[in-house]
Protein backbone atom coordinates (compact mmCIF):
# COMPACT_ATOMS: atom_id res chain seq x y z
CA MET A 1 -36.82 6.91 -43.04
CA LYS A 2 -35.55 10.62 -41.61
CA LYS A 3 -31.38 10.29 -42.58
CA ILE A 4 -29.12 10.34 -39.02
CA ASN A 5 -26.68 12.55 -39.20
CA LEU A 6 -23.63 11.09 -36.68
CA ALA A 7 -21.21 14.11 -36.73
CA SER A 8 -24.80 16.26 -35.28
CA VAL A 9 -25.28 13.69 -32.89
CA VAL A 10 -21.42 13.15 -31.83
CA ALA A 11 -21.72 16.21 -30.89
CA VAL A 12 -24.10 16.76 -28.77
CA CYS A 13 -22.86 13.84 -26.75
CA ALA A 14 -19.70 15.13 -26.41
CA ALA A 15 -20.48 17.64 -24.71
CA VAL A 16 -21.28 15.42 -21.57
CA PRO A 17 -18.13 14.76 -20.25
CA VAL A 18 -18.20 11.34 -19.00
CA PHE A 19 -19.10 10.48 -22.72
CA ALA A 20 -15.96 12.03 -24.25
CA ALA A 21 -14.55 10.49 -26.30
CA SER A 22 -10.88 10.87 -25.06
CA THR A 23 -11.92 9.79 -22.17
CA ALA A 24 -14.78 7.40 -22.64
CA GLY A 25 -14.43 3.45 -22.65
CA VAL A 26 -12.40 0.69 -21.84
CA PHE A 27 -8.26 2.08 -21.69
CA GLY A 28 -6.30 -0.92 -21.25
CA ASP A 29 -7.62 -4.85 -20.22
CA THR A 30 -10.18 -5.30 -18.05
CA PRO A 31 -11.58 -6.76 -15.19
CA ASN A 32 -10.85 -10.22 -14.89
CA ALA A 33 -11.88 -12.74 -11.58
CA LYS A 34 -8.95 -11.37 -9.65
CA HIS A 35 -8.81 -7.69 -10.82
CA ALA A 36 -11.90 -5.66 -9.97
CA TRP A 37 -10.46 -2.80 -12.21
CA SER A 38 -9.08 -2.82 -15.58
CA VAL A 39 -5.77 -1.69 -16.43
CA HIS A 40 -5.18 2.12 -16.15
CA ASP A 41 -9.27 2.33 -14.87
CA ARG A 42 -10.20 5.85 -14.84
CA ASN A 43 -12.72 4.88 -12.17
CA ARG A 44 -10.35 2.90 -9.59
CA PRO A 45 -10.16 5.58 -6.87
CA ASN A 46 -7.57 7.94 -6.09
CA PRO A 47 -5.28 7.34 -3.32
CA VAL A 48 -6.29 10.65 -0.42
CA LYS A 49 -3.54 13.24 -0.66
CA ILE A 50 -1.38 14.06 1.98
CA SER A 51 1.39 16.06 2.57
CA ALA A 52 5.14 14.59 3.08
CA ASP A 53 8.08 17.03 2.93
CA ALA A 54 11.30 15.76 2.68
CA GLY A 55 12.79 15.70 6.46
CA ARG A 56 9.62 16.36 7.84
CA ILE A 57 6.62 14.34 9.16
CA PRO A 58 4.00 13.23 6.76
CA SER A 59 0.54 14.67 7.87
CA ASP A 60 -1.14 12.01 8.32
CA ALA A 61 1.22 10.11 11.26
CA THR A 62 -0.08 9.68 14.73
CA VAL A 63 3.52 11.95 16.30
CA LEU A 64 4.30 9.57 19.18
CA PHE A 65 7.33 11.83 20.82
CA ASP A 66 8.15 14.95 20.02
CA GLY A 67 10.60 15.94 22.60
CA SER A 68 8.51 18.29 24.60
CA LYS A 69 7.25 16.83 28.16
CA GLU A 70 3.39 16.59 27.34
CA SER A 71 3.86 14.55 24.41
CA PHE A 72 6.35 12.34 26.50
CA GLU A 73 3.74 12.42 29.18
CA LYS A 74 0.61 12.05 27.30
CA ASN A 75 2.03 8.44 24.70
CA TRP A 76 4.51 6.49 27.17
CA CYS A 77 3.82 4.60 30.04
CA ASP A 78 5.46 1.47 32.19
CA LYS A 79 4.03 -2.42 32.08
CA ASN A 80 1.05 -1.30 34.13
CA GLY A 81 0.26 2.30 32.30
CA LYS A 82 1.47 3.78 35.23
CA PRO A 83 4.01 7.06 34.15
CA ALA A 84 7.10 5.62 32.38
CA GLY A 85 10.22 5.14 34.78
CA TRP A 86 12.76 6.78 31.57
CA LYS A 87 14.12 10.33 31.79
CA LEU A 88 12.79 13.03 29.85
CA SER A 89 16.15 15.24 28.46
CA GLU A 90 16.16 19.34 28.48
CA GLU A 91 17.58 19.20 24.78
CA GLY A 92 14.18 17.13 23.40
CA TYR A 93 14.96 12.95 23.86
CA PHE A 94 14.06 10.53 26.53
CA TYR A 95 16.47 8.04 27.98
CA SER A 96 16.40 4.51 29.75
CA VAL A 97 18.46 4.66 32.57
CA PRO A 98 21.94 3.20 33.85
CA GLY A 99 21.77 -0.05 36.02
CA TRP A 100 20.21 -2.93 36.06
CA LYS A 101 16.52 -2.30 34.78
CA ASN A 102 15.96 0.39 36.70
CA GLY A 103 13.32 2.10 34.32
CA GLY A 104 11.69 -1.20 32.81
CA ASN A 105 10.38 -1.48 29.11
CA ILE A 106 8.96 1.38 28.22
CA PHE A 107 4.91 1.65 26.21
CA SER A 108 2.68 3.43 24.13
CA ARG A 109 -0.56 3.73 26.07
CA GLN A 110 -1.77 3.05 21.88
CA SER A 111 -2.04 0.37 21.15
CA PHE A 112 -0.80 -0.89 17.31
CA GLY A 113 -0.86 -3.39 14.21
CA ASP A 114 0.77 -2.45 10.45
CA CYS A 115 2.46 0.38 10.53
CA GLN A 116 5.19 2.50 9.53
CA LEU A 117 7.55 4.21 12.42
CA HIS A 118 10.00 6.11 11.89
CA VAL A 119 12.60 6.17 15.69
CA GLU A 120 15.67 7.85 15.93
CA PHE A 121 18.11 6.61 18.18
CA ARG A 122 21.50 7.27 20.17
CA HIS A 123 24.15 5.45 21.58
CA PRO A 124 26.10 7.96 24.31
CA LYS A 125 29.76 8.45 24.19
CA ALA A 126 30.79 6.53 27.93
CA GLY A 127 27.84 3.99 26.48
CA GLY A 128 25.94 3.83 29.27
CA ILE A 129 27.75 0.27 30.63
CA VAL A 130 26.67 -1.44 33.35
CA SER A 131 29.34 -1.08 36.22
CA ASP A 132 28.76 -4.51 37.26
CA GLU A 133 27.80 -6.53 34.82
CA LYS A 134 29.72 -5.68 31.69
CA GLY A 135 30.70 -7.79 28.35
CA PRO A 136 28.82 -7.96 25.04
CA GLN A 137 24.99 -6.52 25.34
CA MET A 138 26.35 -4.29 27.72
CA HIS A 139 27.13 -1.33 25.94
CA GLY A 140 24.25 0.96 24.81
CA ASN A 141 21.32 -1.93 24.77
CA SER A 142 18.16 -1.64 24.16
CA GLY A 143 15.25 -3.12 21.90
CA VAL A 144 12.12 -1.95 19.14
CA PHE A 145 9.44 -4.34 19.56
CA LEU A 146 6.40 -4.05 17.18
CA MET A 147 3.14 -5.71 19.22
CA ASN A 148 5.39 -5.66 22.15
CA ASN A 149 6.54 -9.03 20.47
CA TYR A 150 8.78 -8.87 17.72
CA GLU A 151 11.96 -6.42 18.08
CA VAL A 152 14.46 -4.61 15.68
CA GLN A 153 17.84 -4.45 17.78
CA VAL A 154 19.55 -1.61 19.52
CA LEU A 155 23.04 -2.21 20.35
CA GLU A 156 25.85 0.01 19.83
CA SER A 157 27.39 -2.02 16.65
CA TYR A 158 29.65 0.61 14.80
CA GLY A 159 32.73 -1.28 14.68
CA THR A 160 32.77 -4.18 11.55
CA ASN A 161 34.76 -6.91 12.66
CA PRO A 162 35.05 -8.90 16.15
CA ALA A 163 38.75 -7.36 16.13
CA ASP A 164 37.91 -3.52 16.23
CA MET A 165 34.07 -4.00 17.54
CA LYS A 166 34.44 -2.84 20.76
CA ASN A 167 30.86 -4.42 21.94
CA PRO A 168 31.46 -7.44 20.05
CA ASN A 169 28.40 -9.85 19.69
CA TYR A 170 26.58 -12.86 18.01
CA ALA A 171 25.07 -11.46 14.37
CA ASP A 172 21.79 -11.50 14.96
CA GLY A 173 22.35 -9.87 18.07
CA GLN A 174 23.37 -6.64 16.47
CA ALA A 175 21.53 -3.07 15.26
CA GLY A 176 19.19 -4.24 12.64
CA ALA A 177 18.63 -7.47 13.65
CA ILE A 178 15.44 -9.07 14.03
CA TYR A 179 17.21 -10.26 17.33
CA ALA A 180 17.64 -13.87 17.89
CA GLN A 181 16.39 -14.37 13.96
CA ASN A 182 18.35 -12.82 10.92
CA PRO A 183 21.26 -10.27 11.12
CA PRO A 184 21.13 -7.20 9.03
CA MET A 185 22.36 -7.47 5.34
CA VAL A 186 24.91 -4.89 5.87
CA ASN A 187 26.11 -2.86 8.30
CA PRO A 188 25.71 1.39 8.28
CA ALA A 189 24.95 2.49 12.46
CA ARG A 190 27.27 5.94 13.36
CA LYS A 191 29.80 6.47 15.80
CA PRO A 192 28.46 6.17 19.22
CA GLY A 193 27.01 9.85 20.06
CA GLU A 194 25.82 10.71 16.62
CA TRP A 195 21.61 10.20 15.95
CA GLN A 196 20.27 7.02 13.94
CA THR A 197 17.58 6.42 12.66
CA TYR A 198 15.25 3.27 12.16
CA ASP A 199 12.08 3.38 8.91
CA ILE A 200 10.42 0.45 9.77
CA ILE A 201 7.81 -1.41 7.96
CA PHE A 202 5.53 -4.10 9.78
CA HIS A 203 2.71 -6.16 8.97
CA GLN A 204 1.51 -8.31 11.78
CA PRO A 205 0.82 -12.07 11.36
CA ILE A 206 -2.76 -13.53 9.71
CA TRP A 207 -4.58 -16.24 11.55
CA ASP A 208 -7.36 -18.91 10.81
CA GLY A 209 -8.54 -19.61 14.58
CA ILE A 210 -4.58 -20.86 16.29
CA LYS A 211 -3.28 -22.02 12.70
CA LEU A 212 -0.61 -19.38 11.26
CA LEU A 213 -1.53 -18.11 7.69
CA HIS A 214 0.97 -15.58 7.33
CA PRO A 215 2.99 -14.68 9.33
CA ALA A 216 4.51 -11.40 10.38
CA SER A 217 7.04 -9.48 8.46
CA ILE A 218 9.36 -6.43 8.90
CA THR A 219 11.40 -4.41 6.67
CA VAL A 220 14.22 -2.12 8.34
CA LEU A 221 15.99 0.82 6.49
CA PHE A 222 19.13 1.72 8.96
CA ASN A 223 20.15 5.34 8.77
CA GLY A 224 18.36 4.98 4.85
CA VAL A 225 20.15 1.66 4.19
CA VAL A 226 17.63 -1.65 3.93
CA VAL A 227 19.41 -4.09 6.02
CA GLN A 228 15.77 -6.38 6.31
CA ASP A 229 13.97 -7.12 3.27
CA HIS A 230 10.34 -8.24 4.49
CA TRP A 231 11.54 -10.60 6.63
CA GLU A 232 9.12 -13.06 7.97
CA MET A 233 8.63 -14.04 11.78
CA ASP A 234 8.11 -18.01 12.54
CA ARG A 235 8.82 -16.95 16.29
CA PHE A 236 7.96 -14.48 19.26
CA THR A 237 11.59 -12.49 19.87
CA SER A 238 13.28 -14.99 23.00
CA TRP A 239 16.72 -14.77 24.10
CA LYS A 240 18.09 -18.55 23.26
CA VAL A 241 15.16 -20.25 21.88
CA ARG A 242 12.78 -20.37 19.35
CA ASN A 243 9.70 -19.28 20.76
CA PRO A 244 6.38 -20.17 18.57
CA VAL A 245 4.77 -17.51 17.92
CA THR A 246 0.31 -18.19 19.21
CA PRO A 247 -2.01 -16.16 18.13
CA HIS A 248 -2.36 -12.67 19.85
CA ALA A 249 -4.64 -9.05 19.73
CA ASP A 250 -4.90 -7.03 16.09
CA LYS A 251 -2.92 -3.75 18.06
CA LEU A 252 -0.64 -3.91 20.86
CA PRO A 253 1.56 -1.23 22.11
CA LEU A 254 5.04 -0.40 20.61
CA SER A 255 7.70 -0.81 23.73
CA PHE A 256 11.57 0.36 23.78
CA GLN A 257 13.65 -2.12 25.79
CA ASP A 258 15.27 -1.22 29.02
CA HIS A 259 18.65 -3.58 29.20
CA GLY A 260 19.74 -1.39 32.06
CA CYS A 261 22.26 1.09 29.00
CA GLU A 262 21.46 4.45 28.32
CA VAL A 263 19.74 4.84 24.50
CA HIS A 264 18.49 7.72 23.64
CA TYR A 265 15.57 8.20 21.70
CA ARG A 266 13.65 11.28 19.79
CA ASN A 267 11.73 12.22 17.03
CA ILE A 268 9.57 8.90 16.64
CA TRP A 269 6.04 8.74 14.86
CA ILE A 270 3.56 5.66 13.25
CA ARG A 271 1.68 5.44 10.38
CA GLU A 272 -0.70 2.68 10.58
CA ILE A 273 -1.24 0.91 7.45
CA PRO A 274 -3.86 -1.83 5.53
CA SER A 275 -2.47 -5.11 5.75
CA ARG A 276 -0.70 -6.47 2.79
CA TYR A 277 -3.92 -8.90 2.58
CA ALA A 278 -6.61 -6.30 3.22
CA ASN A 279 -6.60 -5.67 -0.13
CA ARG A 280 -9.09 -8.29 -1.23
CA THR A 281 -10.70 -7.32 -4.90
CA HIS A 282 -7.27 -6.40 -7.35
CA GLY A 283 -4.94 -9.42 -7.50
CA GLY A 284 -2.16 -9.77 -4.44
CA PRO A 285 -2.55 -12.12 -1.90
CA GLY A 286 -5.94 -11.12 -0.27
CA VAL A 287 -7.85 -11.22 -3.16
CA ASP A 288 -11.22 -12.69 -3.04
CA GLU A 289 -12.78 -13.49 -6.14
CA ASN A 290 -16.68 -13.10 -4.75
CA ALA A 291 -15.27 -9.82 -3.02
CA VAL A 292 -14.05 -8.47 -6.32
CA MET A 293 -17.55 -9.68 -8.61
CA ALA A 294 -19.67 -7.15 -6.26
CA LEU A 295 -16.77 -4.58 -6.74
CA ARG A 296 -17.24 -5.22 -10.36
CA ARG A 297 -21.14 -5.27 -10.66
CA GLU A 298 -21.85 -2.05 -7.70
CA THR A 299 -19.25 -0.12 -10.90
CA ALA A 300 -20.57 -1.84 -13.47
CA ALA A 301 -24.26 0.15 -11.98
CA LYS A 302 -22.30 3.17 -11.38
CA LEU A 303 -21.62 3.84 -14.70
CA TYR A 304 -24.66 2.36 -16.17
CA ALA A 305 -26.72 4.67 -13.88
CA GLN A 306 -24.56 7.48 -15.57
CA ILE A 307 -25.42 7.30 -19.16
CA PRO A 308 -27.96 10.11 -20.70
CA ARG A 309 -31.25 8.39 -21.01
CA PRO A 310 -32.71 7.63 -23.27
CA ILE A 311 -29.34 5.39 -24.17
CA LYS A 312 -28.75 6.61 -27.63
CA PRO A 313 -27.29 4.31 -30.45
CA THR A 314 -23.52 6.91 -30.88
CA ILE A 315 -20.64 6.75 -30.30
CA GLU A 316 -19.97 7.44 -27.39
CA CYS A 317 -22.83 5.51 -25.77
CA MET A 318 -21.65 2.36 -27.19
CA GLU A 319 -18.01 3.19 -25.33
CA ALA A 320 -19.67 3.01 -22.16
CA LEU A 321 -22.05 0.42 -22.73
CA GLY A 322 -18.58 -1.28 -23.45
CA GLU A 323 -17.01 -0.27 -20.55
CA VAL A 324 -20.03 -1.20 -18.49
CA ILE A 325 -20.13 -4.85 -19.40
CA SER A 326 -16.42 -5.56 -19.20
CA TYR A 327 -17.35 -5.43 -15.49
CA ALA A 328 -20.54 -7.38 -15.54
CA ARG A 329 -21.11 -8.73 -18.71
CA GLU A 330 -24.75 -10.02 -17.35
CA GLY A 331 -28.57 -8.96 -17.22
CA GLU A 332 -30.00 -5.77 -18.36
CA TYR A 333 -26.38 -4.78 -19.32
CA VAL A 334 -26.14 -7.07 -22.48
CA LYS A 335 -30.05 -6.68 -23.69
CA VAL A 336 -29.40 -3.00 -23.87
CA TRP A 337 -25.58 -3.60 -25.07
CA VAL A 338 -27.03 -6.10 -28.29
CA ASP A 339 -30.12 -3.00 -28.72
CA THR A 340 -28.09 -0.47 -28.88
CA ALA A 341 -25.12 -2.14 -31.05
CA MET A 342 -28.03 -2.82 -33.85
CA LYS A 343 -29.70 0.23 -33.87
CA PHE A 344 -26.01 1.92 -34.11
CA HIS A 345 -25.36 -0.54 -37.39
CA ASP A 346 -27.95 1.27 -38.91
CA VAL A 347 -26.51 4.22 -38.57
CA LEU A 348 -22.98 3.36 -39.44
CA ASP A 349 -25.24 1.98 -43.00
CA LYS A 350 -26.18 5.07 -43.61
CA MET A 351 -23.40 7.61 -42.87
CA THR A 352 -21.57 8.99 -46.23
CA ASP A 353 -17.82 9.06 -46.03
CA ALA A 354 -17.47 13.12 -45.04
CA GLU A 355 -19.59 11.92 -41.94
CA TRP A 356 -16.88 8.64 -41.21
CA ASN A 357 -14.02 11.24 -41.92
CA ALA A 358 -15.06 13.91 -39.57
CA ASN A 359 -15.46 11.12 -36.86
CA LYS A 360 -12.46 9.05 -38.00
CA LYS A 361 -11.06 9.71 -34.11
CA ALA A 362 -13.90 9.16 -32.59
CA LEU A 363 -14.79 5.77 -34.47
CA LEU A 364 -11.30 3.76 -34.20
CA HIS A 365 -11.10 5.33 -30.60
CA LEU A 366 -14.11 2.97 -30.10
CA ARG A 367 -12.56 -0.16 -32.75
CA ASN A 368 -9.74 0.23 -29.78
CA SER A 369 -11.74 -0.32 -27.12
CA LEU A 370 -14.03 -3.20 -28.95
CA ASP A 371 -10.28 -4.77 -28.90
CA THR A 372 -9.76 -4.90 -25.75
CA LEU A 373 -13.21 -6.52 -25.32
CA ILE A 374 -13.09 -8.82 -27.92
CA ARG A 375 -9.44 -10.01 -26.33
CA ASN A 376 -10.35 -10.30 -23.65
CA GLY A 377 -13.99 -12.18 -24.76
CA VAL A 378 -16.08 -9.58 -23.29
CA VAL A 379 -16.97 -9.45 -26.80
CA ARG A 380 -17.45 -12.06 -29.68
CA GLN A 381 -14.71 -11.47 -32.39
CA ALA A 382 -17.70 -11.76 -35.46
CA CYS A 383 -18.44 -7.75 -33.49
CA GLY A 384 -20.52 -6.28 -36.27
CA THR A 385 -19.43 -2.63 -34.82
CA ARG A 386 -15.85 -3.30 -35.43
CA LYS A 387 -16.37 -4.94 -38.89
CA ARG A 388 -17.72 -1.54 -40.91
CA ILE A 389 -15.26 0.69 -38.78
CA ASN A 390 -12.99 -1.86 -40.10
CA ALA A 391 -14.79 -1.23 -43.90
CA ALA A 392 -15.05 2.14 -43.63
CA ALA A 393 -11.28 2.38 -42.75
CA LEU A 394 -10.10 0.78 -45.74
CA ARG A 395 -12.49 1.92 -47.85
CA LEU A 396 -11.18 5.37 -46.90
CA GLY A 397 -7.07 4.58 -46.31
CA TRP A 398 -7.53 5.19 -42.50
CA GLU A 399 -4.43 3.04 -41.96
CA LYS A 400 -2.48 4.50 -44.30
């Protein structure tokens, strides 16, 4: 039999980028029943690129109000879909009209579910107090309602101690509270007349028929400070009662409350985001083992199709086949892996020490891949390829 010069074979296969020894093969712990990708998997899709410059609206956000009349009329309405009863300022904000519910709540014309929401608001220095109904909750009162059901309270709450508060109120009704449920962790409110921000991450509830599987959750950054950390809501927002949640549409309007007080809003944008339970293929609370296996098989098929034909007993092809069976050790993949490994053993057994040394780096990389496959039960401990590489490493002093 003609002696095969492995160095020349490696050089030829290494010219194909996907099989270059520095990038091919198993890199981290392999996929398993709950994870469709290996650790640091180079086959895993990268995230979509967006622009998100400091102080600017992310490029994938939906702008609900930019200060213009066009934006106000296009995106906001009353509960019946008619023009909103709120007023638009020439300074680029809209506001609720002082007086008991003169304007009614204002609603986004578009509906949303899971989202990231940015809202800027301000309580005027005069407070917008309703003249015939003064008292707690009547100074700069409004609210941001996610899906028109879950409220983050808006209230003038600058004072921190009851004796100092010009607008004394209960803890679960102050700015940054999940109204009637959970007070903010701290009070970062600014003085009336100063603009403030809410950055809210909201996830809607998950239902199985009428059975609640996972409650809605809200995270709130108030003026850049976390005041609600993934608070889970077991009920709708209501006053003085605990109103149980019931199934509702997957998308509903955003709304701001009219509580008879003047409150200003500007610079409102929203990003629709996936549910926390949408990830079904790589761990997390929504993982589905059938979906995991389906994606593993899909990835294995793509990788297998990329291996140049005919499949040769080279380092790169062994790495590539090892990667394939790390996703799906079954059927044709296993047979080709075994057949190629047997041929590769013949190649290794005929190599000179000079050829071993010329391919040292690539062979040690292959051994590292095999170690990962063995550790994860993809390949048996008694791996002939690994034994041969170990023997050569010991004989040639590679481990020193």
